[in-house]
Amino acid sequence: MLLTSAALLAILAGYAALCAVSPFGPCRKCSGTGLRELRKGSKLCRRCHGQRRRLRIGRRALNSSRRTHAAGTTPRTTASKGAAPWH
């Protein structure tokens, strides 16, 4: 049990480091080419818009949690100078 927990923690730490170092990964829909092969020819990938890279799931979750934290901890401005900060 301890070995399994340590291995899972190491895998999660490795993925977090990967998301921090390289937040973009290759698009899975077009295999990083930016184009989709169709019967009549090729077309830009709708998922990555031809940019060949997509934001990783872990980085998307980190950005979302940072945005939520920033929105929840924004200081309120007081209406008047004489107002106490705890009201």
PDB file of N, CA and C in Angstrom:
ATOM      1  N   MET A   1       0.828  -1.187   0.000  1.00  0.00           N
ATOM      2  CA  MET A   1       0.000   0.000   0.000  1.00  0.00           C
ATOM      3  C   MET A   1       0.870   1.247   0.000  1.00  0.00           C
ATOM      4  N   LEU A   2       1.906   1.250   0.797  1.00  0.00           N
ATOM      5  CA  LEU A   2       2.789   2.398   0.879  1.00  0.00           C
ATOM      6  C   LEU A   2       3.549   2.585  -0.428  1.00  0.00           C
ATOM      7  N   LEU A   3       3.958   1.497  -1.020  1.00  0.00           N
ATOM      8  CA  LEU A   3       4.681   1.560  -2.296  1.00  0.00           C
ATOM      9  C   LEU A   3       3.773   2.082  -3.413  1.00  0.00           C
ATOM     10  N   THR A   4       2.527   1.658  -3.411  1.00  0.00           N
ATOM     11  CA  THR A   4       1.572   2.123  -4.411  1.00  0.00           C
ATOM     12  C   THR A   4       1.299   3.610  -4.253  1.00  0.00           C
ATOM     13  N   SER A   5       1.130   4.055  -3.018  1.00  0.00           N
ATOM     14  CA  SER A   5       0.893   5.473  -2.761  1.00  0.00           C
ATOM     15  C   SER A   5       2.091   6.313  -3.175  1.00  0.00           C
ATOM     16  N   ALA A   6       3.286   5.842  -2.884  1.00  0.00           N
ATOM     17  CA  ALA A   6       4.497   6.570  -3.260  1.00  0.00           C
ATOM     18  C   ALA A   6       4.650   6.629  -4.780  1.00  0.00           C
ATOM     19  N   ALA A   7       4.332   5.545  -5.462  1.00  0.00           N
ATOM     20  CA  ALA A   7       4.422   5.528  -6.923  1.00  0.00           C
ATOM     21  C   ALA A   7       3.397   6.486  -7.544  1.00  0.00           C
ATOM     22  N   LEU A   8       2.179   6.485  -7.018  1.00  0.00           N
ATOM     23  CA  LEU A   8       1.152   7.392  -7.516  1.00  0.00           C
ATOM     24  C   LEU A   8       1.547   8.842  -7.280  1.00  0.00           C
ATOM     25  N   LEU A   9       2.094   9.141  -6.118  1.00  0.00           N
ATOM     26  CA  LEU A   9       2.552  10.488  -5.812  1.00  0.00           C
ATOM     27  C   LEU A   9       3.695  10.909  -6.729  1.00  0.00           C
ATOM     28  N   ALA A  10       4.591   9.997  -7.039  1.00  0.00           N
ATOM     29  CA  ALA A  10       5.703  10.298  -7.948  1.00  0.00           C
ATOM     30  C   ALA A  10       5.199  10.558  -9.364  1.00  0.00           C
ATOM     31  N   ILE A  11       4.213   9.796  -9.799  1.00  0.00           N
ATOM     32  CA  ILE A  11       3.638  10.006 -11.133  1.00  0.00           C
ATOM     33  C   ILE A  11       2.943  11.354 -11.212  1.00  0.00           C
ATOM     34  N   LEU A  12       2.168  11.698 -10.190  1.00  0.00           N
ATOM     35  CA  LEU A  12       1.481  12.988 -10.172  1.00  0.00           C
ATOM     36  C   LEU A  12       2.463  14.147 -10.115  1.00  0.00           C
ATOM     37  N   ALA A  13       3.532  14.000  -9.350  1.00  0.00           N
ATOM     38  CA  ALA A  13       4.551  15.051  -9.282  1.00  0.00           C
ATOM     39  C   ALA A  13       5.248  15.209 -10.632  1.00  0.00           C
ATOM     40  N   GLY A  14       5.497  14.111 -11.307  1.00  0.00           N
ATOM     41  CA  GLY A  14       6.113  14.174 -12.628  1.00  0.00           C
ATOM     42  C   GLY A  14       5.210  14.855 -13.639  1.00  0.00           C
ATOM     43  N   TYR A  15       3.919  14.556 -13.601  1.00  0.00           N
ATOM     44  CA  TYR A  15       2.984  15.192 -14.527  1.00  0.00           C
ATOM     45  C   TYR A  15       2.852  16.687 -14.220  1.00  0.00           C
ATOM     46  N   ALA A  16       2.852  17.052 -12.927  1.00  0.00           N
ATOM     47  CA  ALA A  16       2.783  18.463 -12.555  1.00  0.00           C
ATOM     48  C   ALA A  16       4.026  19.206 -13.050  1.00  0.00           C
ATOM     49  N   ALA A  17       5.187  18.566 -12.956  1.00  0.00           N
ATOM     50  CA  ALA A  17       6.411  19.187 -13.461  1.00  0.00           C
ATOM     51  C   ALA A  17       6.360  19.319 -14.985  1.00  0.00           C
ATOM     52  N   LEU A  18       5.826  18.320 -15.661  1.00  0.00           N
ATOM     53  CA  LEU A  18       5.687  18.386 -17.114  1.00  0.00           C
ATOM     54  C   LEU A  18       4.760  19.524 -17.518  1.00  0.00           C
ATOM     55  N   CYS A  19       3.648  19.691 -16.808  1.00  0.00           N
ATOM     56  CA  CYS A  19       2.718  20.778 -17.116  1.00  0.00           C
ATOM     57  C   CYS A  19       3.334  22.145 -16.834  1.00  0.00           C
ATOM     58  N   ALA A  20       4.201  22.236 -15.841  1.00  0.00           N
ATOM     59  CA  ALA A  20       4.857  23.505 -15.534  1.00  0.00           C
ATOM     60  C   ALA A  20       5.916  23.850 -16.577  1.00  0.00           C
ATOM     61  N   VAL A  21       6.670  22.855 -17.025  1.00  0.00           N
ATOM     62  CA  VAL A  21       7.746  23.093 -17.980  1.00  0.00           C
ATOM     63  C   VAL A  21       7.207  23.238 -19.397  1.00  0.00           C
ATOM     64  N   SER A  22       6.293  22.370 -19.778  1.00  0.00           N
ATOM     65  CA  SER A  22       5.754  22.367 -21.140  1.00  0.00           C
ATOM     66  C   SER A  22       4.227  22.331 -21.072  1.00  0.00           C
ATOM     67  N   PRO A  23       3.566  23.506 -20.986  1.00  0.00           N
ATOM     68  CA  PRO A  23       2.116  23.513 -20.814  1.00  0.00           C
ATOM     69  C   PRO A  23       1.337  23.053 -22.045  1.00  0.00           C
ATOM     70  N   PHE A  24       1.964  23.052 -23.211  1.00  0.00           N
ATOM     71  CA  PHE A  24       1.276  22.643 -24.429  1.00  0.00           C
ATOM     72  C   PHE A  24       1.773  21.285 -24.885  1.00  0.00           C
ATOM     73  N   GLY A  25       0.843  20.449 -25.333  1.00  0.00           N
ATOM     74  CA  GLY A  25       1.169  19.132 -25.855  1.00  0.00           C
ATOM     75  C   GLY A  25       0.626  19.006 -27.269  1.00  0.00           C
ATOM     76  N   PRO A  26       1.030  17.981 -27.994  1.00  0.00           N
ATOM     77  CA  PRO A  26       0.533  17.818 -29.355  1.00  0.00           C
ATOM     78  C   PRO A  26      -0.965  17.503 -29.364  1.00  0.00           C
ATOM     79  N   CYS A  27      -1.637  17.989 -30.378  1.00  0.00           N
ATOM     80  CA  CYS A  27      -3.067  17.737 -30.528  1.00  0.00           C
ATOM     81  C   CYS A  27      -3.281  16.251 -30.807  1.00  0.00           C
ATOM     82  N   ARG A  28      -4.209  15.638 -30.090  1.00  0.00           N
ATOM     83  CA  ARG A  28      -4.460  14.211 -30.278  1.00  0.00           C
ATOM     84  C   ARG A  28      -5.343  13.938 -31.483  1.00  0.00           C
ATOM     85  N   LYS A  29      -6.147  14.891 -31.879  1.00  0.00           N
ATOM     86  CA  LYS A  29      -7.062  14.671 -32.996  1.00  0.00           C
ATOM     87  C   LYS A  29      -6.310  14.610 -34.326  1.00  0.00           C
ATOM     88  N   CYS A  30      -5.340  15.524 -34.527  1.00  0.00           N
ATOM     89  CA  CYS A  30      -4.619  15.570 -35.799  1.00  0.00           C
ATOM     90  C   CYS A  30      -3.196  15.037 -35.666  1.00  0.00           C
ATOM     91  N   SER A  31      -2.836  14.490 -34.520  1.00  0.00           N
ATOM     92  CA  SER A  31      -1.499  13.950 -34.238  1.00  0.00           C
ATOM     93  C   SER A  31      -0.407  15.001 -34.390  1.00  0.00           C
ATOM     94  N   GLY A  32      -0.740  16.249 -34.109  1.00  0.00           N
ATOM     95  CA  GLY A  32       0.250  17.320 -34.146  1.00  0.00           C
ATOM     96  C   GLY A  32       0.573  17.836 -35.532  1.00  0.00           C
ATOM     97  N   THR A  33      -0.230  17.525 -36.541  1.00  0.00           N
ATOM     98  CA  THR A  33       0.037  18.020 -37.891  1.00  0.00           C
ATOM     99  C   THR A  33      -0.707  19.314 -38.183  1.00  0.00           C
ATOM    100  N   GLY A  34      -1.815  19.560 -37.499  1.00  0.00           N
ATOM    101  CA  GLY A  34      -2.615  20.747 -37.733  1.00  0.00           C
ATOM    102  C   GLY A  34      -3.633  20.568 -38.841  1.00  0.00           C
ATOM    103  N   LEU A  35      -3.585  19.443 -39.536  1.00  0.00           N
ATOM    104  CA  LEU A  35      -4.498  19.170 -40.639  1.00  0.00           C
ATOM    105  C   LEU A  35      -5.244  17.868 -40.418  1.00  0.00           C
ATOM    106  N   ARG A  36      -6.483  17.827 -40.878  1.00  0.00           N
ATOM    107  CA  ARG A  36      -7.281  16.602 -40.835  1.00  0.00           C
ATOM    108  C   ARG A  36      -7.411  16.087 -42.252  1.00  0.00           C
ATOM    109  N   GLU A  37      -7.129  14.824 -42.446  1.00  0.00           N
ATOM    110  CA  GLU A  37      -7.263  14.215 -43.776  1.00  0.00           C
ATOM    111  C   GLU A  37      -8.704  13.809 -43.999  1.00  0.00           C
ATOM    112  N   LEU A  38      -9.272  14.269 -45.079  1.00  0.00           N
ATOM    113  CA  LEU A  38     -10.639  13.938 -45.457  1.00  0.00           C
ATOM    114  C   LEU A  38     -10.615  13.204 -46.789  1.00  0.00           C
ATOM    115  N   ARG A  39     -11.755  12.719 -47.226  1.00  0.00           N
ATOM    116  CA  ARG A  39     -11.819  12.014 -48.509  1.00  0.00           C
ATOM    117  C   ARG A  39     -11.500  12.951 -49.675  1.00  0.00           C
ATOM    118  N   LYS A  40     -11.927  14.190 -49.571  1.00  0.00           N
ATOM    119  CA  LYS A  40     -11.730  15.149 -50.656  1.00  0.00           C
ATOM    120  C   LYS A  40     -10.439  15.958 -50.521  1.00  0.00           C
ATOM    121  N   GLY A  41      -9.684  15.771 -49.486  1.00  0.00           N
ATOM    122  CA  GLY A  41      -8.452  16.544 -49.282  1.00  0.00           C
ATOM    123  C   GLY A  41      -8.178  16.719 -47.806  1.00  0.00           C
ATOM    124  N   SER A  42      -7.578  17.824 -47.470  1.00  0.00           N
ATOM    125  CA  SER A  42      -7.279  18.070 -46.066  1.00  0.00           C
ATOM    126  C   SER A  42      -7.880  19.407 -45.637  1.00  0.00           C
ATOM    127  N   LYS A  43      -8.028  19.553 -44.337  1.00  0.00           N
ATOM    128  CA  LYS A  43      -8.698  20.702 -43.760  1.00  0.00           C
ATOM    129  C   LYS A  43      -8.024  21.014 -42.430  1.00  0.00           C
ATOM    130  N   LEU A  44      -8.077  22.261 -41.966  1.00  0.00           N
ATOM    131  CA  LEU A  44      -7.516  22.611 -40.671  1.00  0.00           C
ATOM    132  C   LEU A  44      -8.231  21.846 -39.558  1.00  0.00           C
ATOM    133  N   CYS A  45      -7.478  21.436 -38.587  1.00  0.00           N
ATOM    134  CA  CYS A  45      -8.045  20.713 -37.446  1.00  0.00           C
ATOM    135  C   CYS A  45      -8.949  21.649 -36.656  1.00  0.00           C
ATOM    136  N   ARG A  46     -10.168  21.185 -36.353  1.00  0.00           N
ATOM    137  CA  ARG A  46     -11.111  22.019 -35.595  1.00  0.00           C
ATOM    138  C   ARG A  46     -10.731  22.108 -34.130  1.00  0.00           C
ATOM    139  N   ARG A  47     -10.043  21.118 -33.621  1.00  0.00           N
ATOM    140  CA  ARG A  47      -9.716  21.089 -32.203  1.00  0.00           C
ATOM    141  C   ARG A  47      -8.584  22.062 -31.858  1.00  0.00           C
ATOM    142  N   CYS A  48      -7.522  22.079 -32.680  1.00  0.00           N
ATOM    143  CA  CYS A  48      -6.376  22.953 -32.383  1.00  0.00           C
ATOM    144  C   CYS A  48      -6.300  24.162 -33.316  1.00  0.00           C
ATOM    145  N   HIS A  49      -7.234  24.270 -34.267  1.00  0.00           N
ATOM    146  CA  HIS A  49      -7.288  25.384 -35.223  1.00  0.00           C
ATOM    147  C   HIS A  49      -6.008  25.502 -36.039  1.00  0.00           C
ATOM    148  N   GLY A  50      -5.365  24.394 -36.324  1.00  0.00           N
ATOM    149  CA  GLY A  50      -4.172  24.380 -37.156  1.00  0.00           C
ATOM    150  C   GLY A  50      -2.897  24.766 -36.435  1.00  0.00           C
ATOM    151  N   GLN A  51      -2.958  24.967 -35.111  1.00  0.00           N
ATOM    152  CA  GLN A  51      -1.774  25.377 -34.363  1.00  0.00           C
ATOM    153  C   GLN A  51      -0.924  24.195 -33.915  1.00  0.00           C
ATOM    154  N   ARG A  52      -1.418  22.997 -34.057  1.00  0.00           N
ATOM    155  CA  ARG A  52      -0.738  21.729 -33.767  1.00  0.00           C
ATOM    156  C   ARG A  52      -0.497  21.473 -32.280  1.00  0.00           C
ATOM    157  N   ARG A  53      -0.839  22.385 -31.410  1.00  0.00           N
ATOM    158  CA  ARG A  53      -0.633  22.213 -29.963  1.00  0.00           C
ATOM    159  C   ARG A  53      -1.918  22.527 -29.213  1.00  0.00           C
ATOM    160  N   ARG A  54      -2.117  21.826 -28.094  1.00  0.00           N
ATOM    161  CA  ARG A  54      -3.258  22.080 -27.222  1.00  0.00           C
ATOM    162  C   ARG A  54      -2.775  22.189 -25.787  1.00  0.00           C
ATOM    163  N   LEU A  55      -3.497  22.945 -24.984  1.00  0.00           N
ATOM    164  CA  LEU A  55      -3.159  23.093 -23.579  1.00  0.00           C
ATOM    165  C   LEU A  55      -3.421  21.773 -22.857  1.00  0.00           C
ATOM    166  N   ARG A  56      -2.465  21.328 -22.067  1.00  0.00           N
ATOM    167  CA  ARG A  56      -2.613  20.052 -21.353  1.00  0.00           C
ATOM    168  C   ARG A  56      -3.731  20.145 -20.309  1.00  0.00           C
ATOM    169  N   ILE A  57      -4.309  19.013 -19.972  1.00  0.00           N
ATOM    170  CA  ILE A  57      -5.421  18.973 -19.018  1.00  0.00           C
ATOM    171  C   ILE A  57      -4.972  19.465 -17.640  1.00  0.00           C
ATOM    172  N   GLY A  58      -3.793  19.062 -17.212  1.00  0.00           N
ATOM    173  CA  GLY A  58      -3.283  19.494 -15.907  1.00  0.00           C
ATOM    174  C   GLY A  58      -3.050  20.995 -15.850  1.00  0.00           C
ATOM    175  N   ARG A  59      -2.545  21.572 -16.940  1.00  0.00           N
ATOM    176  CA  ARG A  59      -2.312  23.006 -16.983  1.00  0.00           C
ATOM    177  C   ARG A  59      -3.632  23.761 -17.008  1.00  0.00           C
ATOM    178  N   ARG A  60      -4.627  23.197 -17.707  1.00  0.00           N
ATOM    179  CA  ARG A  60      -5.959  23.811 -17.742  1.00  0.00           C
ATOM    180  C   ARG A  60      -6.570  23.837 -16.335  1.00  0.00           C
ATOM    181  N   ALA A  61      -6.392  22.755 -15.575  1.00  0.00           N
ATOM    182  CA  ALA A  61      -6.903  22.692 -14.198  1.00  0.00           C
ATOM    183  C   ALA A  61      -6.163  23.681 -13.299  1.00  0.00           C
ATOM    184  N   LEU A  62      -4.855  23.803 -13.487  1.00  0.00           N
ATOM    185  CA  LEU A  62      -4.070  24.756 -12.692  1.00  0.00           C
ATOM    186  C   LEU A  62      -4.506  26.187 -12.988  1.00  0.00           C
ATOM    187  N   ASN A  63      -4.682  26.527 -14.247  1.00  0.00           N
ATOM    188  CA  ASN A  63      -5.128  27.870 -14.616  1.00  0.00           C
ATOM    189  C   ASN A  63      -6.507  28.169 -14.035  1.00  0.00           C
ATOM    190  N   SER A  64      -7.392  27.198 -14.063  1.00  0.00           N
ATOM    191  CA  SER A  64      -8.732  27.377 -13.529  1.00  0.00           C
ATOM    192  C   SER A  64      -8.702  27.593 -12.014  1.00  0.00           C
ATOM    193  N   SER A  65      -7.886  26.809 -11.317  1.00  0.00           N
ATOM    194  CA  SER A  65      -7.806  26.973  -9.864  1.00  0.00           C
ATOM    195  C   SER A  65      -7.168  28.306  -9.497  1.00  0.00           C
ATOM    196  N   ARG A  66      -6.185  28.759 -10.264  1.00  0.00           N
ATOM    197  CA  ARG A  66      -5.586  30.077 -10.010  1.00  0.00           C
ATOM    198  C   ARG A  66      -6.596  31.191 -10.235  1.00  0.00           C
ATOM    199  N   ARG A  67      -7.395  31.072 -11.300  1.00  0.00           N
ATOM    200  CA  ARG A  67      -8.408  32.077 -11.607  1.00  0.00           C
ATOM    201  C   ARG A  67      -9.458  32.124 -10.492  1.00  0.00           C
ATOM    202  N   THR A  68      -9.879  30.955 -10.012  1.00  0.00           N
ATOM    203  CA  THR A  68     -10.865  30.894  -8.939  1.00  0.00           C
ATOM    204  C   THR A  68     -10.316  31.489  -7.653  1.00  0.00           C
ATOM    205  N   HIS A  69      -9.075  31.178  -7.337  1.00  0.00           N
ATOM    206  CA  HIS A  69      -8.450  31.712  -6.131  1.00  0.00           C
ATOM    207  C   HIS A  69      -8.311  33.232  -6.218  1.00  0.00           C
ATOM    208  N   ALA A  70      -7.896  33.735  -7.370  1.00  0.00           N
ATOM    209  CA  ALA A  70      -7.735  35.172  -7.542  1.00  0.00           C
ATOM    210  C   ALA A  70      -9.076  35.902  -7.434  1.00  0.00           C
ATOM    211  N   ALA A  71     -10.134  35.290  -7.961  1.00  0.00           N
ATOM    212  CA  ALA A  71     -11.452  35.913  -7.887  1.00  0.00           C
ATOM    213  C   ALA A  71     -11.990  35.907  -6.459  1.00  0.00           C
ATOM    214  N   GLY A  72     -11.640  34.901  -5.689  1.00  0.00           N
ATOM    215  CA  GLY A  72     -12.145  34.801  -4.326  1.00  0.00           C
ATOM    216  C   GLY A  72     -11.356  35.598  -3.314  1.00  0.00           C
ATOM    217  N   THR A  73     -10.158  36.018  -3.654  1.00  0.00           N
ATOM    218  CA  THR A  73      -9.325  36.741  -2.693  1.00  0.00           C
ATOM    219  C   THR A  73      -9.081  38.178  -3.103  1.00  0.00           C
ATOM    220  N   THR A  74      -9.839  38.694  -4.053  1.00  0.00           N
ATOM    221  CA  THR A  74      -9.675  40.079  -4.457  1.00  0.00           C
ATOM    222  C   THR A  74     -10.174  40.976  -3.340  1.00  0.00           C
ATOM    223  N   PRO A  75      -9.359  41.934  -2.907  1.00  0.00           N
ATOM    224  CA  PRO A  75      -9.796  42.797  -1.806  1.00  0.00           C
ATOM    225  C   PRO A  75     -10.926  43.725  -2.244  1.00  0.00           C
ATOM    226  N   ARG A  76     -11.847  43.958  -1.338  1.00  0.00           N
ATOM    227  CA  ARG A  76     -12.951  44.864  -1.630  1.00  0.00           C
ATOM    228  C   ARG A  76     -12.511  46.293  -1.376  1.00  0.00           C
ATOM    229  N   THR A  77     -13.024  47.206  -2.150  1.00  0.00           N
ATOM    230  CA  THR A  77     -12.744  48.617  -1.912  1.00  0.00           C
ATOM    231  C   THR A  77     -13.831  49.172  -1.008  1.00  0.00           C
ATOM    232  N   THR A  78     -13.456  50.045  -0.092  1.00  0.00           N
ATOM    233  CA  THR A  78     -14.432  50.621   0.818  1.00  0.00           C
ATOM    234  C   THR A  78     -15.027  51.881   0.199  1.00  0.00           C
ATOM    235  N   ALA A  79     -16.274  52.181   0.559  1.00  0.00           N
ATOM    236  CA  ALA A  79     -16.991  53.314  -0.035  1.00  0.00           C
ATOM    237  C   ALA A  79     -16.442  54.637   0.475  1.00  0.00           C
ATOM    238  N   SER A  80     -16.097  54.716   1.750  1.00  0.00           N
ATOM    239  CA  SER A  80     -15.597  55.964   2.302  1.00  0.00           C
ATOM    240  C   SER A  80     -14.293  55.709   3.024  1.00  0.00           C
ATOM    241  N   LYS A  81     -13.537  56.795   3.220  1.00  0.00           N
ATOM    242  CA  LYS A  81     -12.233  56.645   3.874  1.00  0.00           C
ATOM    243  C   LYS A  81     -12.349  56.270   5.343  1.00  0.00           C
ATOM    244  N   GLY A  82     -13.416  56.727   5.989  1.00  0.00           N
ATOM    245  CA  GLY A  82     -13.572  56.492   7.415  1.00  0.00           C
ATOM    246  C   GLY A  82     -14.104  55.117   7.765  1.00  0.00           C
ATOM    247  N   ALA A  83     -14.481  54.337   6.796  1.00  0.00           N
ATOM    248  CA  ALA A  83     -15.054  53.012   7.052  1.00  0.00           C
ATOM    249  C   ALA A  83     -13.979  52.055   7.530  1.00  0.00           C
ATOM    250  N   ALA A  84     -14.357  51.192   8.442  1.00  0.00           N
ATOM    251  CA  ALA A  84     -13.413  50.193   8.960  1.00  0.00           C
ATOM    252  C   ALA A  84     -13.241  49.085   7.919  1.00  0.00           C
ATOM    253  N   PRO A  85     -12.049  48.492   7.814  1.00  0.00           N
ATOM    254  CA  PRO A  85     -11.811  47.469   6.796  1.00  0.00           C
ATOM    255  C   PRO A  85     -12.550  46.162   7.054  1.00  0.00           C
ATOM    256  N   TRP A  86     -13.060  45.930   8.250  1.00  0.00           N
ATOM    257  CA  TRP A  86     -13.724  44.669   8.542  1.00  0.00           C
ATOM    258  C   TRP A  86     -15.232  44.726   8.299  1.00  0.00           C
ATOM    259  N   HIS A  87     -15.747  45.837   7.807  1.00  0.00           N
ATOM    260  CA  HIS A  87     -17.184  45.948   7.507  1.00  0.00           C
ATOM    261  C   HIS A  87     -17.451  45.728   6.091  1.00  0.00           C
TER     262      HIS A  87
END
